[in-house]
Amino acid sequence: MGEERRLAPAAVLVNFEDPQIDTAKGDQLVRRLVGEGLAPSCRAITSREFGGDEVLVVQSVLASWALGTFRPIEADVYDREAYRASTGKAWKQFTALSPDQQRSRVAEVREAALGCEFTWADELAGGAR
């Protein structure tokens, strides 16, 4: 696996070797960038390395929250059906929280991600475990 990247709160790192970024267009590109901005991955994704579907689930939920419409980030994942089901489940759990709790969780997830402490999709609605 690649080395961890140095993350900064005021910057969104875009890896142009990430095949998912290369193929994203329009709304999907916006969702990728917003998701990466809210829940950045410490590891760069390349054609040889991938952070896993959990990263995309978290990024999809947070991007959907920020953009006001639930739509999973389209990606070349191992099991598309499982990815969509996990994303839908995480979205339902997250949106069941009050707006204040949602904002608080977004801030907590972002802070953890910037510190390279990954937050699992199941933790979005319930806090760190």
N, C-alpha and C. Protein backbone atom coordinates (compact mmCIF):
# COMPACT_ATOMS: atom_id res chain seq x y z
N MET A 1 0.84 -1.19 0.00
CA MET A 1 0.00 0.00 0.00
C MET A 1 0.88 1.24 0.00
N GLY A 2 0.32 2.31 -0.53
CA GLY A 2 1.05 3.57 -0.57
C GLY A 2 1.16 4.20 0.80
N GLU A 3 2.01 5.19 0.87
CA GLU A 3 2.21 5.90 2.13
C GLU A 3 1.03 6.82 2.40
N GLU A 4 0.84 7.14 3.68
CA GLU A 4 -0.23 8.06 4.04
C GLU A 4 0.11 9.46 3.54
N ARG A 5 -0.92 10.16 3.11
CA ARG A 5 -0.74 11.52 2.61
C ARG A 5 -0.89 12.49 3.78
N ARG A 6 -0.26 13.63 3.68
CA ARG A 6 -0.42 14.69 4.69
C ARG A 6 -1.66 15.47 4.32
N LEU A 7 -2.64 15.42 5.19
CA LEU A 7 -3.92 16.09 4.94
C LEU A 7 -3.96 17.43 5.66
N ALA A 8 -4.61 18.40 5.03
CA ALA A 8 -4.77 19.73 5.61
C ALA A 8 -6.24 20.12 5.49
N PRO A 9 -6.80 20.75 6.53
CA PRO A 9 -8.21 21.11 6.51
C PRO A 9 -8.61 22.04 5.36
N ALA A 10 -7.70 22.85 4.87
CA ALA A 10 -8.04 23.84 3.85
C ALA A 10 -7.80 23.34 2.43
N ALA A 11 -7.46 22.07 2.26
CA ALA A 11 -7.15 21.56 0.92
C ALA A 11 -7.83 20.22 0.68
N VAL A 12 -8.22 19.99 -0.55
CA VAL A 12 -8.73 18.69 -0.97
C VAL A 12 -7.68 18.11 -1.92
N LEU A 13 -7.10 16.99 -1.52
CA LEU A 13 -6.11 16.35 -2.37
C LEU A 13 -6.80 15.53 -3.44
N VAL A 14 -6.42 15.75 -4.67
CA VAL A 14 -6.97 15.01 -5.80
C VAL A 14 -5.83 14.23 -6.43
N ASN A 15 -5.99 12.94 -6.48
CA ASN A 15 -4.97 12.07 -7.07
C ASN A 15 -5.37 11.79 -8.52
N PHE A 16 -4.63 12.32 -9.44
CA PHE A 16 -4.97 12.15 -10.84
C PHE A 16 -4.64 10.76 -11.37
N GLU A 17 -4.04 9.91 -10.53
CA GLU A 17 -3.84 8.51 -10.88
C GLU A 17 -5.03 7.67 -10.45
N ASP A 18 -5.98 8.26 -9.73
CA ASP A 18 -7.17 7.56 -9.27
C ASP A 18 -8.08 7.34 -10.48
N PRO A 19 -8.27 6.08 -10.88
CA PRO A 19 -9.11 5.83 -12.05
C PRO A 19 -10.56 6.26 -11.84
N GLN A 20 -11.00 6.35 -10.61
CA GLN A 20 -12.37 6.79 -10.33
C GLN A 20 -12.54 8.28 -10.63
N ILE A 21 -11.52 9.07 -10.36
CA ILE A 21 -11.56 10.51 -10.66
C ILE A 21 -11.48 10.71 -12.17
N ASP A 22 -10.64 9.93 -12.81
CA ASP A 22 -10.42 10.06 -14.25
C ASP A 22 -11.72 9.87 -15.04
N THR A 23 -12.60 8.99 -14.58
CA THR A 23 -13.82 8.70 -15.32
C THR A 23 -15.04 9.49 -14.83
N ALA A 24 -14.92 10.17 -13.70
CA ALA A 24 -16.06 10.91 -13.14
C ALA A 24 -16.33 12.18 -13.94
N LYS A 25 -17.60 12.43 -14.18
CA LYS A 25 -18.01 13.61 -14.93
C LYS A 25 -19.22 14.24 -14.23
N GLY A 26 -19.42 15.54 -14.42
CA GLY A 26 -20.60 16.23 -13.93
C GLY A 26 -20.86 16.04 -12.45
N ASP A 27 -22.10 15.63 -12.13
CA ASP A 27 -22.52 15.44 -10.75
C ASP A 27 -21.64 14.43 -10.01
N GLN A 28 -21.22 13.39 -10.69
CA GLN A 28 -20.39 12.38 -10.04
C GLN A 28 -19.02 12.92 -9.67
N LEU A 29 -18.46 13.78 -10.49
CA LEU A 29 -17.18 14.41 -10.16
C LEU A 29 -17.35 15.34 -8.95
N VAL A 30 -18.44 16.09 -8.93
CA VAL A 30 -18.72 16.97 -7.79
C VAL A 30 -18.84 16.13 -6.52
N ARG A 31 -19.57 15.03 -6.59
CA ARG A 31 -19.74 14.16 -5.42
C ARG A 31 -18.41 13.56 -4.97
N ARG A 32 -17.56 13.18 -5.90
CA ARG A 32 -16.25 12.65 -5.53
C ARG A 32 -15.43 13.71 -4.78
N LEU A 33 -15.43 14.93 -5.30
CA LEU A 33 -14.65 15.99 -4.68
C LEU A 33 -15.22 16.41 -3.33
N VAL A 34 -16.54 16.52 -3.22
CA VAL A 34 -17.17 16.88 -1.95
C VAL A 34 -16.93 15.76 -0.94
N GLY A 35 -17.10 14.52 -1.36
CA GLY A 35 -16.86 13.39 -0.46
C GLY A 35 -15.44 13.34 0.04
N GLU A 36 -14.50 13.57 -0.84
CA GLU A 36 -13.09 13.58 -0.46
C GLU A 36 -12.78 14.77 0.45
N GLY A 37 -13.47 15.88 0.23
CA GLY A 37 -13.27 17.05 1.09
C GLY A 37 -13.80 16.85 2.49
N LEU A 38 -14.93 16.15 2.63
CA LEU A 38 -15.53 15.93 3.94
C LEU A 38 -14.93 14.74 4.68
N ALA A 39 -14.54 13.72 3.95
CA ALA A 39 -13.97 12.51 4.58
C ALA A 39 -12.76 12.07 3.75
N PRO A 40 -11.68 12.84 3.83
CA PRO A 40 -10.51 12.52 3.00
C PRO A 40 -9.88 11.19 3.39
N SER A 41 -9.35 10.55 2.37
CA SER A 41 -8.65 9.29 2.58
C SER A 41 -7.17 9.57 2.73
N CYS A 42 -6.56 8.97 3.72
CA CYS A 42 -5.13 9.17 3.94
C CYS A 42 -4.28 8.45 2.90
N ARG A 43 -4.86 7.49 2.26
CA ARG A 43 -4.13 6.74 1.24
C ARG A 43 -4.62 7.14 -0.14
N ALA A 44 -3.69 7.41 -1.00
CA ALA A 44 -4.04 7.75 -2.38
C ALA A 44 -4.56 6.49 -3.08
N ILE A 45 -5.57 6.66 -3.89
CA ILE A 45 -6.12 5.55 -4.66
C ILE A 45 -5.51 5.62 -6.05
N THR A 46 -4.98 4.49 -6.50
CA THR A 46 -4.40 4.41 -7.84
C THR A 46 -5.02 3.21 -8.54
N SER A 47 -4.59 2.96 -9.75
CA SER A 47 -5.09 1.79 -10.48
C SER A 47 -4.62 0.50 -9.82
N ARG A 48 -3.63 0.58 -8.94
CA ARG A 48 -3.10 -0.61 -8.26
C ARG A 48 -3.53 -0.71 -6.81
N GLU A 49 -4.02 0.38 -6.22
CA GLU A 49 -4.39 0.39 -4.81
C GLU A 49 -5.74 1.06 -4.63
N PHE A 50 -6.53 0.50 -3.73
CA PHE A 50 -7.86 1.04 -3.49
C PHE A 50 -8.14 0.99 -2.00
N GLY A 51 -8.77 2.03 -1.47
CA GLY A 51 -9.04 2.12 -0.05
C GLY A 51 -10.19 1.26 0.42
N GLY A 52 -10.98 0.74 -0.49
CA GLY A 52 -12.09 -0.12 -0.13
C GLY A 52 -13.42 0.59 -0.24
N ASP A 53 -14.47 -0.23 -0.27
CA ASP A 53 -15.81 0.30 -0.44
C ASP A 53 -16.26 1.14 0.75
N GLU A 54 -15.75 0.86 1.96
CA GLU A 54 -16.17 1.61 3.14
C GLU A 54 -15.86 3.10 2.99
N VAL A 55 -14.73 3.43 2.40
CA VAL A 55 -14.39 4.83 2.18
C VAL A 55 -15.45 5.48 1.29
N LEU A 56 -15.82 4.80 0.23
CA LEU A 56 -16.81 5.34 -0.69
C LEU A 56 -18.20 5.44 -0.06
N VAL A 57 -18.54 4.51 0.82
CA VAL A 57 -19.83 4.59 1.50
C VAL A 57 -19.89 5.86 2.34
N VAL A 58 -18.87 6.09 3.15
CA VAL A 58 -18.82 7.27 4.00
C VAL A 58 -18.83 8.54 3.14
N GLN A 59 -18.00 8.57 2.11
CA GLN A 59 -17.95 9.74 1.24
C GLN A 59 -19.28 9.96 0.52
N SER A 60 -19.95 8.89 0.10
CA SER A 60 -21.24 9.01 -0.58
C SER A 60 -22.29 9.63 0.34
N VAL A 61 -22.35 9.16 1.58
CA VAL A 61 -23.32 9.67 2.53
C VAL A 61 -23.05 11.14 2.82
N LEU A 62 -21.81 11.49 3.07
CA LEU A 62 -21.50 12.88 3.41
C LEU A 62 -21.68 13.81 2.21
N ALA A 63 -21.30 13.36 1.03
CA ALA A 63 -21.52 14.19 -0.17
C ALA A 63 -23.01 14.37 -0.42
N SER A 64 -23.79 13.32 -0.25
CA SER A 64 -25.24 13.41 -0.43
C SER A 64 -25.85 14.38 0.58
N TRP A 65 -25.37 14.31 1.80
CA TRP A 65 -25.84 15.24 2.85
C TRP A 65 -25.53 16.68 2.46
N ALA A 66 -24.31 16.92 2.04
CA ALA A 66 -23.88 18.29 1.70
C ALA A 66 -24.61 18.82 0.46
N LEU A 67 -24.88 17.94 -0.50
CA LEU A 67 -25.50 18.37 -1.75
C LEU A 67 -27.02 18.29 -1.72
N GLY A 68 -27.58 17.70 -0.66
CA GLY A 68 -29.02 17.69 -0.48
C GLY A 68 -29.79 16.61 -1.22
N THR A 69 -29.10 15.71 -1.88
CA THR A 69 -29.75 14.63 -2.62
C THR A 69 -28.95 13.35 -2.44
N PHE A 70 -29.64 12.28 -2.03
CA PHE A 70 -28.94 11.01 -1.88
C PHE A 70 -28.67 10.40 -3.24
N ARG A 71 -27.40 10.19 -3.49
CA ARG A 71 -26.95 9.53 -4.71
C ARG A 71 -25.57 8.96 -4.42
N PRO A 72 -25.44 7.65 -4.41
CA PRO A 72 -24.12 7.06 -4.16
C PRO A 72 -23.10 7.50 -5.21
N ILE A 73 -21.87 7.59 -4.79
CA ILE A 73 -20.79 7.86 -5.73
C ILE A 73 -20.63 6.63 -6.60
N GLU A 74 -20.66 6.83 -7.90
CA GLU A 74 -20.47 5.71 -8.82
C GLU A 74 -18.99 5.35 -8.82
N ALA A 75 -18.72 4.07 -8.70
CA ALA A 75 -17.33 3.62 -8.64
C ALA A 75 -17.24 2.18 -9.10
N ASP A 76 -16.06 1.82 -9.50
CA ASP A 76 -15.78 0.45 -9.89
C ASP A 76 -15.44 -0.32 -8.61
N VAL A 77 -16.46 -0.90 -7.99
CA VAL A 77 -16.30 -1.60 -6.72
C VAL A 77 -16.39 -3.10 -6.95
N TYR A 78 -15.92 -3.85 -5.99
CA TYR A 78 -15.91 -5.31 -6.10
C TYR A 78 -17.32 -5.87 -6.21
N ASP A 79 -18.22 -5.43 -5.34
CA ASP A 79 -19.59 -5.94 -5.31
C ASP A 79 -20.54 -4.74 -5.30
N ARG A 80 -20.99 -4.35 -6.47
CA ARG A 80 -21.83 -3.15 -6.63
C ARG A 80 -23.11 -3.24 -5.79
N GLU A 81 -23.75 -4.40 -5.76
CA GLU A 81 -25.00 -4.55 -5.01
C GLU A 81 -24.76 -4.36 -3.51
N ALA A 82 -23.70 -4.95 -2.98
CA ALA A 82 -23.38 -4.80 -1.55
C ALA A 82 -23.01 -3.35 -1.24
N TYR A 83 -22.28 -2.71 -2.14
CA TYR A 83 -21.90 -1.31 -1.95
C TYR A 83 -23.15 -0.42 -1.89
N ARG A 84 -24.07 -0.61 -2.82
CA ARG A 84 -25.30 0.19 -2.84
C ARG A 84 -26.14 -0.07 -1.60
N ALA A 85 -26.22 -1.33 -1.17
CA ALA A 85 -26.99 -1.67 0.04
C ALA A 85 -26.36 -1.03 1.27
N SER A 86 -25.04 -1.09 1.39
CA SER A 86 -24.35 -0.48 2.54
C SER A 86 -24.53 1.02 2.54
N THR A 87 -24.46 1.63 1.37
CA THR A 87 -24.61 3.07 1.27
C THR A 87 -26.04 3.48 1.64
N GLY A 88 -27.03 2.75 1.16
CA GLY A 88 -28.42 3.04 1.50
C GLY A 88 -28.68 2.89 2.99
N LYS A 89 -28.14 1.84 3.59
CA LYS A 89 -28.32 1.61 5.03
C LYS A 89 -27.68 2.76 5.82
N ALA A 90 -26.45 3.12 5.46
CA ALA A 90 -25.75 4.19 6.17
C ALA A 90 -26.50 5.52 6.01
N TRP A 91 -27.03 5.78 4.83
CA TRP A 91 -27.79 7.01 4.58
C TRP A 91 -29.04 7.06 5.47
N LYS A 92 -29.78 5.96 5.55
CA LYS A 92 -31.00 5.93 6.37
C LYS A 92 -30.67 6.15 7.85
N GLN A 93 -29.61 5.52 8.33
CA GLN A 93 -29.21 5.70 9.72
C GLN A 93 -28.78 7.13 9.99
N PHE A 94 -28.00 7.68 9.08
CA PHE A 94 -27.48 9.03 9.24
C PHE A 94 -28.61 10.07 9.21
N THR A 95 -29.51 9.94 8.25
CA THR A 95 -30.58 10.93 8.11
C THR A 95 -31.66 10.77 9.18
N ALA A 96 -31.64 9.69 9.95
CA ALA A 96 -32.56 9.54 11.08
C ALA A 96 -32.14 10.43 12.25
N LEU A 97 -30.90 10.90 12.23
CA LEU A 97 -30.42 11.82 13.26
C LEU A 97 -31.04 13.20 13.07
N SER A 98 -31.09 13.98 14.12
CA SER A 98 -31.56 15.36 14.00
C SER A 98 -30.54 16.16 13.18
N PRO A 99 -30.96 17.27 12.59
CA PRO A 99 -30.01 18.10 11.84
C PRO A 99 -28.78 18.50 12.66
N ASP A 100 -28.96 18.83 13.93
CA ASP A 100 -27.81 19.19 14.77
C ASP A 100 -26.87 18.00 14.95
N GLN A 101 -27.43 16.81 15.15
CA GLN A 101 -26.61 15.62 15.29
C GLN A 101 -25.88 15.30 13.99
N GLN A 102 -26.54 15.51 12.86
CA GLN A 102 -25.90 15.27 11.57
C GLN A 102 -24.69 16.19 11.40
N ARG A 103 -24.87 17.47 11.68
CA ARG A 103 -23.75 18.42 11.55
C ARG A 103 -22.61 18.04 12.48
N SER A 104 -22.95 17.63 13.68
CA SER A 104 -21.94 17.22 14.65
C SER A 104 -21.18 15.99 14.15
N ARG A 105 -21.91 15.01 13.61
CA ARG A 105 -21.25 13.79 13.10
C ARG A 105 -20.36 14.12 11.92
N VAL A 106 -20.80 15.01 11.03
CA VAL A 106 -19.96 15.38 9.88
C VAL A 106 -18.65 15.98 10.37
N ALA A 107 -18.73 16.87 11.34
CA ALA A 107 -17.52 17.50 11.90
C ALA A 107 -16.62 16.44 12.54
N GLU A 108 -17.21 15.50 13.28
CA GLU A 108 -16.42 14.45 13.93
C GLU A 108 -15.75 13.54 12.91
N VAL A 109 -16.50 13.15 11.88
CA VAL A 109 -15.96 12.28 10.85
C VAL A 109 -14.82 12.98 10.11
N ARG A 110 -15.02 14.25 9.78
CA ARG A 110 -13.98 15.00 9.06
C ARG A 110 -12.72 15.14 9.91
N GLU A 111 -12.89 15.46 11.18
CA GLU A 111 -11.74 15.59 12.07
C GLU A 111 -10.98 14.26 12.18
N ALA A 112 -11.72 13.18 12.33
CA ALA A 112 -11.08 11.85 12.41
C ALA A 112 -10.36 11.53 11.10
N ALA A 113 -11.00 11.81 9.97
CA ALA A 113 -10.38 11.52 8.68
C ALA A 113 -9.11 12.34 8.47
N LEU A 114 -9.15 13.61 8.85
CA LEU A 114 -7.95 14.45 8.72
C LEU A 114 -6.80 13.92 9.58
N GLY A 115 -7.13 13.25 10.66
CA GLY A 115 -6.13 12.64 11.53
C GLY A 115 -5.80 11.22 11.12
N CYS A 116 -6.31 10.81 9.97
CA CYS A 116 -6.09 9.47 9.42
C CYS A 116 -6.65 8.37 10.32
N GLU A 117 -7.73 8.69 11.01
CA GLU A 117 -8.46 7.71 11.80
C GLU A 117 -9.76 7.44 11.07
N PHE A 118 -9.81 6.34 10.36
CA PHE A 118 -10.95 6.06 9.49
C PHE A 118 -12.22 5.81 10.29
N THR A 119 -13.33 6.34 9.82
CA THR A 119 -14.65 6.13 10.40
C THR A 119 -15.41 5.16 9.52
N TRP A 120 -15.88 4.06 10.09
CA TRP A 120 -16.66 3.08 9.34
C TRP A 120 -18.05 3.62 9.08
N ALA A 121 -18.67 3.14 8.03
CA ALA A 121 -20.00 3.58 7.66
C ALA A 121 -21.00 3.36 8.80
N ASP A 122 -20.88 2.27 9.53
CA ASP A 122 -21.80 1.98 10.63
C ASP A 122 -21.68 3.00 11.76
N GLU A 123 -20.61 3.74 11.81
CA GLU A 123 -20.40 4.72 12.88
C GLU A 123 -20.97 6.08 12.56
N LEU A 124 -21.41 6.30 11.33
CA LEU A 124 -21.90 7.62 10.95
C LEU A 124 -23.03 8.09 11.86
N ALA A 125 -23.92 7.19 12.19
CA ALA A 125 -25.07 7.58 13.00
C ALA A 125 -24.84 7.41 14.49
N GLY A 126 -23.82 6.66 14.88
CA GLY A 126 -23.68 6.36 16.29
C GLY A 126 -22.40 6.82 16.94
N GLY A 127 -21.54 7.48 16.23
CA GLY A 127 -20.28 7.92 16.82
C GLY A 127 -19.24 6.83 16.81
N ALA A 128 -18.04 7.17 17.22
CA ALA A 128 -16.92 6.24 17.20
C ALA A 128 -17.18 5.09 18.16
N ARG A 129 -16.68 3.92 17.78
CA ARG A 129 -16.84 2.72 18.63
C ARG A 129 -15.51 2.22 19.07
